[in-house]
């Protein structure tokens, strides 16, 4: 099953906006400009989300491949140059909204940390991609937020 047509059509295109990163709860975020492109992949079964931003003036890049299973569950493979090092995080979500969660720091003695990514639209030309750190105890904190306008 491909992504729902309205989601796929909403994502496709070029985007620009602002990107914020929180290094700890309650701290002021670091903010910069961001640009993204979303393209259809593999006979429209998936959408590739490529984005650029910067931290302390150093360019950063991210890539996610978002799809939907025949059962309607979302799947996403995600990596970037800042958070993930040389790893790829595999994320899943039970739908109907494009919200997916993966695990990182699984070898932490206190338990696995999780990362939830949410894609949300506010009109046809406005996209927010927000990601949350989730502690082993289940506490959630906003980690990154990209607010885009379609170009």
N, C-alpha and C. Protein backbone atom coordinates (compact mmCIF):
# COMPACT_ATOMS: atom_id res chain seq x y z
N UNK A 1 0.84 -1.18 0.00
CA UNK A 1 0.00 0.00 0.00
C UNK A 1 0.89 1.24 0.00
N UNK A 2 0.58 2.19 -0.81
CA UNK A 2 1.31 3.45 -0.83
C UNK A 2 0.78 4.35 0.28
N UNK A 3 1.47 5.47 0.48
CA UNK A 3 0.96 6.47 1.42
C UNK A 3 -0.43 6.91 0.97
N UNK A 4 -1.29 7.30 1.89
CA UNK A 4 -2.59 7.84 1.47
C UNK A 4 -2.36 8.98 0.48
N UNK A 5 -3.14 9.02 -0.61
CA UNK A 5 -2.90 10.02 -1.66
C UNK A 5 -2.88 11.46 -1.16
N UNK A 6 -3.76 11.80 -0.24
CA UNK A 6 -3.78 13.18 0.25
C UNK A 6 -2.52 13.52 1.03
N UNK A 7 -1.96 12.55 1.76
CA UNK A 7 -0.72 12.78 2.49
C UNK A 7 0.43 12.91 1.50
N UNK A 8 0.51 12.00 0.56
CA UNK A 8 1.59 12.05 -0.41
C UNK A 8 1.56 13.37 -1.19
N UNK A 9 0.41 13.75 -1.68
CA UNK A 9 0.32 15.01 -2.44
C UNK A 9 0.64 16.21 -1.56
N UNK A 10 0.25 16.16 -0.30
CA UNK A 10 0.55 17.26 0.61
C UNK A 10 2.04 17.41 0.88
N UNK A 11 2.76 16.29 0.95
CA UNK A 11 4.18 16.32 1.25
C UNK A 11 5.04 16.72 0.06
N UNK A 12 4.65 16.29 -1.14
CA UNK A 12 5.50 16.46 -2.30
C UNK A 12 5.79 17.93 -2.60
N UNK A 13 7.03 18.20 -2.96
CA UNK A 13 7.41 19.55 -3.35
C UNK A 13 8.63 20.05 -2.59
N UNK A 14 8.89 21.33 -2.74
CA UNK A 14 10.01 22.01 -2.09
C UNK A 14 9.47 22.88 -0.97
N UNK A 15 10.19 22.91 0.14
CA UNK A 15 9.76 23.61 1.35
C UNK A 15 10.90 24.46 1.88
N UNK A 16 10.56 25.54 2.58
CA UNK A 16 11.57 26.33 3.30
C UNK A 16 10.94 26.84 4.59
N UNK A 17 11.79 27.15 5.56
CA UNK A 17 11.26 27.63 6.83
C UNK A 17 12.32 27.74 7.90
N UNK A 18 11.91 27.47 9.14
CA UNK A 18 12.82 27.58 10.29
C UNK A 18 12.92 26.23 10.99
N UNK A 19 14.10 25.99 11.56
CA UNK A 19 14.40 24.73 12.24
C UNK A 19 14.90 25.08 13.64
N UNK A 20 14.32 24.43 14.64
CA UNK A 20 14.74 24.68 16.02
C UNK A 20 15.18 23.37 16.66
N UNK A 21 16.20 23.45 17.51
CA UNK A 21 16.74 22.30 18.24
C UNK A 21 16.83 22.66 19.71
N UNK A 22 16.30 21.78 20.56
CA UNK A 22 16.42 21.92 22.01
C UNK A 22 17.39 20.87 22.51
N UNK A 23 18.44 21.32 23.20
CA UNK A 23 19.41 20.37 23.73
C UNK A 23 19.03 19.86 25.11
N UNK A 24 18.14 20.58 25.79
CA UNK A 24 17.63 20.11 27.07
C UNK A 24 16.30 20.80 27.34
N UNK A 25 15.44 20.14 28.12
CA UNK A 25 14.13 20.73 28.41
C UNK A 25 14.26 22.09 29.08
N UNK A 26 13.43 23.03 28.66
CA UNK A 26 13.41 24.34 29.27
C UNK A 26 14.46 25.30 28.74
N UNK A 27 15.43 24.81 27.99
CA UNK A 27 16.48 25.68 27.46
C UNK A 27 15.96 26.39 26.21
N UNK A 28 16.58 27.49 25.88
CA UNK A 28 16.26 28.20 24.65
C UNK A 28 16.73 27.35 23.47
N UNK A 29 15.92 27.26 22.42
CA UNK A 29 16.35 26.46 21.28
C UNK A 29 17.36 27.19 20.41
N UNK A 30 18.16 26.42 19.71
CA UNK A 30 19.00 26.95 18.64
C UNK A 30 18.10 27.03 17.42
N UNK A 31 18.17 28.11 16.64
CA UNK A 31 17.28 28.26 15.50
C UNK A 31 18.07 28.63 14.25
N UNK A 32 17.63 28.12 13.11
CA UNK A 32 18.27 28.41 11.84
C UNK A 32 17.25 28.26 10.71
N UNK A 33 17.66 28.60 9.50
CA UNK A 33 16.82 28.38 8.34
C UNK A 33 16.93 26.92 7.93
N UNK A 34 15.88 26.43 7.25
CA UNK A 34 15.89 25.06 6.76
C UNK A 34 15.22 25.02 5.39
N UNK A 35 15.59 24.03 4.62
CA UNK A 35 14.96 23.77 3.33
C UNK A 35 14.78 22.26 3.21
N UNK A 36 13.71 21.86 2.54
CA UNK A 36 13.42 20.43 2.39
C UNK A 36 12.81 20.17 1.01
N UNK A 37 12.99 18.95 0.56
CA UNK A 37 12.27 18.48 -0.63
C UNK A 37 11.67 17.13 -0.30
N UNK A 38 10.49 16.90 -0.81
CA UNK A 38 9.82 15.62 -0.65
C UNK A 38 9.49 15.11 -2.06
N UNK A 39 10.00 13.92 -2.36
CA UNK A 39 9.83 13.35 -3.70
C UNK A 39 9.22 11.96 -3.60
N UNK A 40 8.45 11.56 -4.61
CA UNK A 40 7.91 10.20 -4.63
C UNK A 40 9.03 9.22 -4.98
N UNK A 41 8.98 8.04 -4.40
CA UNK A 41 10.00 7.03 -4.64
C UNK A 41 9.35 5.67 -4.90
N UNK A 42 10.02 4.86 -5.70
CA UNK A 42 9.63 3.47 -5.96
C UNK A 42 8.15 3.35 -6.35
N UNK A 43 7.83 3.91 -7.50
CA UNK A 43 6.47 3.84 -8.05
C UNK A 43 5.45 4.42 -7.07
N UNK A 44 5.79 5.53 -6.45
CA UNK A 44 4.90 6.25 -5.53
C UNK A 44 4.55 5.47 -4.26
N UNK A 45 5.33 4.47 -3.92
CA UNK A 45 5.07 3.72 -2.68
C UNK A 45 5.57 4.45 -1.44
N UNK A 46 6.56 5.31 -1.64
CA UNK A 46 7.22 6.00 -0.52
C UNK A 46 7.42 7.47 -0.87
N UNK A 47 7.67 8.26 0.17
CA UNK A 47 8.10 9.65 -0.02
C UNK A 47 9.45 9.80 0.65
N UNK A 48 10.42 10.35 -0.09
CA UNK A 48 11.72 10.68 0.47
C UNK A 48 11.68 12.13 0.94
N UNK A 49 12.03 12.35 2.21
CA UNK A 49 12.06 13.67 2.83
C UNK A 49 13.54 13.99 3.07
N UNK A 50 14.06 14.95 2.33
CA UNK A 50 15.44 15.39 2.46
C UNK A 50 15.43 16.83 2.99
N UNK A 51 16.25 17.09 4.01
CA UNK A 51 16.24 18.43 4.58
C UNK A 51 17.64 18.87 5.00
N UNK A 52 17.84 20.17 5.01
CA UNK A 52 19.11 20.78 5.39
C UNK A 52 18.85 21.83 6.46
N UNK A 53 19.78 21.97 7.37
CA UNK A 53 19.72 22.97 8.41
C UNK A 53 21.16 23.19 8.89
N UNK A 54 21.38 23.97 9.92
CA UNK A 54 22.74 24.16 10.43
C UNK A 54 22.72 24.25 11.95
N UNK A 55 23.85 23.91 12.54
CA UNK A 55 24.01 24.05 13.98
C UNK A 55 25.36 24.71 14.21
N UNK A 56 25.37 25.82 14.93
CA UNK A 56 26.58 26.60 15.16
C UNK A 56 27.31 26.89 13.86
N UNK A 57 26.55 27.15 12.79
CA UNK A 57 27.13 27.49 11.51
C UNK A 57 27.58 26.30 10.67
N UNK A 58 27.52 25.10 11.22
CA UNK A 58 27.94 23.90 10.48
C UNK A 58 26.73 23.30 9.75
N UNK A 59 26.82 23.08 8.45
CA UNK A 59 25.69 22.52 7.70
C UNK A 59 25.35 21.10 8.16
N UNK A 60 24.06 20.81 8.22
CA UNK A 60 23.57 19.49 8.61
C UNK A 60 22.57 19.02 7.55
N UNK A 61 22.45 17.71 7.41
CA UNK A 61 21.56 17.14 6.39
C UNK A 61 20.81 15.96 6.99
N UNK A 62 19.56 15.78 6.58
CA UNK A 62 18.76 14.66 7.05
C UNK A 62 18.02 14.00 5.90
N UNK A 63 17.66 12.75 6.11
CA UNK A 63 16.96 11.97 5.09
C UNK A 63 16.02 10.99 5.80
N UNK A 64 14.79 10.94 5.32
CA UNK A 64 13.84 9.95 5.82
C UNK A 64 13.08 9.38 4.63
N UNK A 65 12.80 8.11 4.68
CA UNK A 65 11.98 7.44 3.69
C UNK A 65 10.72 6.98 4.43
N UNK A 66 9.58 7.57 4.06
CA UNK A 66 8.31 7.33 4.75
C UNK A 66 7.39 6.51 3.86
N UNK A 67 6.79 5.46 4.44
CA UNK A 67 5.86 4.62 3.70
C UNK A 67 4.76 4.11 4.60
N UNK A 68 3.86 3.32 3.98
CA UNK A 68 2.70 2.79 4.69
C UNK A 68 2.54 1.32 4.30
N UNK A 69 2.35 0.45 5.28
CA UNK A 69 2.17 -0.98 5.00
C UNK A 69 0.76 -1.25 4.49
N UNK A 70 0.54 -2.47 4.01
CA UNK A 70 -0.80 -2.86 3.55
C UNK A 70 -1.83 -2.77 4.67
N UNK A 71 -1.38 -2.89 5.93
CA UNK A 71 -2.28 -2.80 7.08
C UNK A 71 -2.57 -1.35 7.48
N UNK A 72 -1.91 -0.38 6.81
CA UNK A 72 -2.14 1.02 7.13
C UNK A 72 -1.22 1.58 8.18
N UNK A 73 -0.18 0.83 8.55
CA UNK A 73 0.78 1.31 9.54
C UNK A 73 1.91 2.06 8.84
N UNK A 74 2.38 3.12 9.46
CA UNK A 74 3.47 3.90 8.89
C UNK A 74 4.81 3.29 9.26
N UNK A 75 5.77 3.45 8.36
CA UNK A 75 7.15 3.05 8.59
C UNK A 75 8.05 4.16 8.07
N UNK A 76 9.17 4.37 8.77
CA UNK A 76 10.11 5.38 8.32
C UNK A 76 11.52 4.94 8.67
N UNK A 77 12.43 5.07 7.71
CA UNK A 77 13.86 4.91 7.96
C UNK A 77 14.44 6.32 7.97
N UNK A 78 15.18 6.67 9.03
CA UNK A 78 15.65 8.05 9.19
C UNK A 78 17.11 8.06 9.61
N UNK A 79 17.84 9.01 9.04
CA UNK A 79 19.20 9.28 9.48
C UNK A 79 19.51 10.74 9.21
N UNK A 80 20.52 11.24 9.89
CA UNK A 80 20.99 12.59 9.62
C UNK A 80 22.44 12.72 10.04
N UNK A 81 23.03 13.85 9.72
CA UNK A 81 24.45 14.04 10.00
C UNK A 81 24.73 14.51 11.42
N UNK A 82 23.70 14.89 12.16
CA UNK A 82 23.94 15.45 13.49
C UNK A 82 23.54 14.49 14.61
N UNK A 83 22.35 13.93 14.56
CA UNK A 83 21.85 13.08 15.64
C UNK A 83 22.31 11.62 15.52
N UNK A 84 22.37 11.11 14.30
CA UNK A 84 22.46 9.66 14.11
C UNK A 84 23.86 9.11 13.86
N UNK A 85 24.84 9.93 13.60
CA UNK A 85 26.17 9.41 13.31
C UNK A 85 26.12 8.53 12.07
N UNK A 86 26.51 7.27 12.20
CA UNK A 86 26.49 6.33 11.08
C UNK A 86 25.33 5.35 11.17
N UNK A 87 24.34 5.64 11.96
CA UNK A 87 23.22 4.71 12.17
C UNK A 87 21.98 5.16 11.40
N UNK A 88 21.08 4.22 11.20
CA UNK A 88 19.76 4.47 10.62
C UNK A 88 18.74 4.03 11.66
N UNK A 89 17.77 4.89 11.95
CA UNK A 89 16.71 4.53 12.89
C UNK A 89 15.48 4.10 12.11
N UNK A 90 14.95 2.95 12.47
CA UNK A 90 13.73 2.46 11.86
C UNK A 90 12.57 2.78 12.81
N UNK A 91 11.56 3.47 12.29
CA UNK A 91 10.44 3.95 13.10
C UNK A 91 9.13 3.39 12.56
N UNK A 92 8.17 3.17 13.44
CA UNK A 92 6.85 2.68 13.03
C UNK A 92 5.76 3.45 13.78
N UNK A 93 4.57 3.43 13.19
CA UNK A 93 3.41 4.06 13.81
C UNK A 93 2.14 3.42 13.31
N UNK A 94 1.15 3.31 14.17
CA UNK A 94 -0.08 2.58 13.87
C UNK A 94 -1.11 3.41 13.10
N UNK A 95 -0.76 4.62 12.66
CA UNK A 95 -1.71 5.41 11.87
C UNK A 95 -2.94 5.77 12.69
N UNK A 96 -3.88 6.50 12.17
CA UNK A 96 -4.00 6.95 10.79
C UNK A 96 -3.15 8.18 10.47
N UNK A 97 -2.58 8.85 11.47
CA UNK A 97 -1.75 10.03 11.24
C UNK A 97 -0.31 9.60 11.02
N UNK A 98 0.47 10.39 10.27
CA UNK A 98 1.88 10.07 10.03
C UNK A 98 2.75 10.42 11.23
N UNK A 99 2.66 9.56 12.25
CA UNK A 99 3.44 9.70 13.48
C UNK A 99 4.16 8.38 13.69
N UNK A 100 5.50 8.44 13.80
CA UNK A 100 6.29 7.22 13.93
C UNK A 100 7.26 7.34 15.09
N UNK A 101 7.60 6.21 15.68
CA UNK A 101 8.50 6.17 16.82
C UNK A 101 9.56 5.10 16.61
N UNK A 102 10.81 5.43 16.94
CA UNK A 102 11.91 4.48 16.90
C UNK A 102 12.67 4.54 18.21
N UNK A 103 13.63 3.64 18.36
CA UNK A 103 14.42 3.58 19.60
C UNK A 103 15.88 3.90 19.30
N UNK A 104 16.50 4.57 20.24
CA UNK A 104 17.94 4.80 20.19
C UNK A 104 18.48 4.64 21.59
N UNK A 105 19.76 4.57 21.73
CA UNK A 105 20.40 4.34 23.03
C UNK A 105 19.79 3.12 23.70
N UNK A 106 19.60 2.07 22.90
CA UNK A 106 18.99 0.85 23.44
C UNK A 106 19.90 0.14 24.44
N UNK A 107 21.19 0.45 24.39
CA UNK A 107 22.12 -0.18 25.33
C UNK A 107 22.29 0.63 26.62
N UNK A 108 21.51 1.69 26.80
CA UNK A 108 21.56 2.50 28.01
C UNK A 108 21.13 1.62 29.19
N UNK A 109 21.89 1.58 30.27
CA UNK A 109 21.53 0.75 31.42
C UNK A 109 20.15 1.07 32.00
N UNK A 110 19.69 2.31 31.81
CA UNK A 110 18.38 2.70 32.34
C UNK A 110 17.23 2.32 31.42
N UNK A 111 17.52 1.76 30.25
CA UNK A 111 16.48 1.40 29.29
C UNK A 111 16.60 2.22 28.01
N UNK A 112 15.87 1.81 27.01
CA UNK A 112 15.94 2.46 25.70
C UNK A 112 15.28 3.84 25.71
N UNK A 113 15.88 4.76 25.01
CA UNK A 113 15.29 6.05 24.72
C UNK A 113 14.58 5.93 23.39
N UNK A 114 13.55 6.73 23.18
CA UNK A 114 12.80 6.68 21.93
C UNK A 114 12.75 8.07 21.30
N UNK A 115 12.45 8.07 20.01
CA UNK A 115 12.39 9.29 19.20
C UNK A 115 11.11 9.21 18.39
N UNK A 116 10.20 10.15 18.61
CA UNK A 116 8.93 10.17 17.88
C UNK A 116 8.94 11.34 16.91
N UNK A 117 8.57 11.07 15.66
CA UNK A 117 8.50 12.11 14.62
C UNK A 117 7.06 12.25 14.18
N UNK A 118 6.60 13.50 14.10
CA UNK A 118 5.22 13.79 13.69
C UNK A 118 5.23 14.74 12.50
N UNK A 119 4.49 14.37 11.46
CA UNK A 119 4.29 15.22 10.29
C UNK A 119 2.88 15.80 10.40
N UNK A 120 2.75 17.12 10.37
CA UNK A 120 1.45 17.76 10.54
C UNK A 120 1.29 18.91 9.55
N UNK A 121 0.09 19.02 8.99
CA UNK A 121 -0.22 20.08 8.04
C UNK A 121 -1.14 21.10 8.70
N UNK A 122 -0.92 22.36 8.35
CA UNK A 122 -1.83 23.45 8.75
C UNK A 122 -2.17 24.18 7.46
N UNK A 123 -2.98 23.56 6.64
CA UNK A 123 -3.29 24.10 5.32
C UNK A 123 -2.44 23.44 4.27
N UNK A 124 -2.72 23.75 3.02
CA UNK A 124 -2.05 23.09 1.90
C UNK A 124 -0.58 23.47 1.77
N UNK A 125 -0.17 24.62 2.27
CA UNK A 125 1.19 25.10 2.07
C UNK A 125 1.99 25.22 3.35
N UNK A 126 1.57 24.53 4.42
CA UNK A 126 2.25 24.64 5.70
C UNK A 126 2.45 23.24 6.29
N UNK A 127 3.71 22.91 6.57
CA UNK A 127 4.08 21.60 7.12
C UNK A 127 4.95 21.80 8.34
N UNK A 128 4.66 21.06 9.40
CA UNK A 128 5.51 21.02 10.58
C UNK A 128 5.98 19.59 10.78
N UNK A 129 7.29 19.44 10.97
CA UNK A 129 7.87 18.14 11.29
C UNK A 129 8.52 18.31 12.66
N UNK A 130 7.92 17.69 13.67
CA UNK A 130 8.41 17.81 15.04
C UNK A 130 8.89 16.45 15.53
N UNK A 131 9.97 16.45 16.33
CA UNK A 131 10.50 15.21 16.88
C UNK A 131 10.68 15.37 18.39
N UNK A 132 10.38 14.30 19.10
CA UNK A 132 10.40 14.30 20.55
C UNK A 132 11.32 13.22 21.07
N UNK A 133 12.15 13.55 22.06
CA UNK A 133 12.88 12.54 22.82
C UNK A 133 11.92 11.98 23.86
N UNK A 134 11.97 10.68 24.05
CA UNK A 134 11.15 10.03 25.08
C UNK A 134 12.09 9.22 25.96
N UNK A 135 12.14 9.55 27.24
CA UNK A 135 13.03 8.87 28.18
C UNK A 135 12.54 7.44 28.44
N UNK A 136 13.39 6.59 29.02
CA UNK A 136 12.94 5.24 29.38
C UNK A 136 11.74 5.25 30.33
N UNK A 137 11.58 6.34 31.10
CA UNK A 137 10.45 6.46 32.03
C UNK A 137 9.19 6.98 31.33
N UNK A 138 9.30 7.32 30.03
CA UNK A 138 8.14 7.80 29.28
C UNK A 138 7.97 9.31 29.26
N UNK A 139 8.92 10.06 29.82
CA UNK A 139 8.84 11.52 29.76
C UNK A 139 9.18 11.99 28.35
N UNK A 140 8.39 12.92 27.83
CA UNK A 140 8.60 13.41 26.47
C UNK A 140 9.04 14.86 26.48
N UNK A 141 9.96 15.18 25.56
CA UNK A 141 10.41 16.56 25.42
C UNK A 141 10.67 16.85 23.96
N UNK A 142 10.23 18.03 23.52
CA UNK A 142 10.44 18.45 22.15
C UNK A 142 11.94 18.56 21.90
N UNK A 143 12.41 17.93 20.82
CA UNK A 143 13.84 17.95 20.49
C UNK A 143 14.13 18.80 19.26
N UNK A 144 13.32 18.63 18.21
CA UNK A 144 13.48 19.43 16.99
C UNK A 144 12.11 19.79 16.44
N UNK A 145 12.07 20.93 15.75
CA UNK A 145 10.83 21.32 15.09
C UNK A 145 11.18 22.12 13.84
N UNK A 146 10.71 21.62 12.70
CA UNK A 146 10.86 22.34 11.44
C UNK A 146 9.49 22.83 11.01
N UNK A 147 9.38 24.12 10.77
CA UNK A 147 8.13 24.72 10.29
C UNK A 147 8.38 25.21 8.86
N UNK A 148 7.67 24.59 7.93
CA UNK A 148 7.90 24.85 6.51
C UNK A 148 6.72 25.52 5.84
N UNK A 149 7.03 26.28 4.80
CA UNK A 149 6.06 26.80 3.84
C UNK A 149 6.46 26.27 2.48
N UNK A 150 5.46 25.83 1.71
CA UNK A 150 5.76 25.29 0.38
C UNK A 150 6.26 26.40 -0.53
N UNK A 151 7.33 26.11 -1.27
CA UNK A 151 7.90 27.08 -2.22
C UNK A 151 7.26 26.94 -3.57
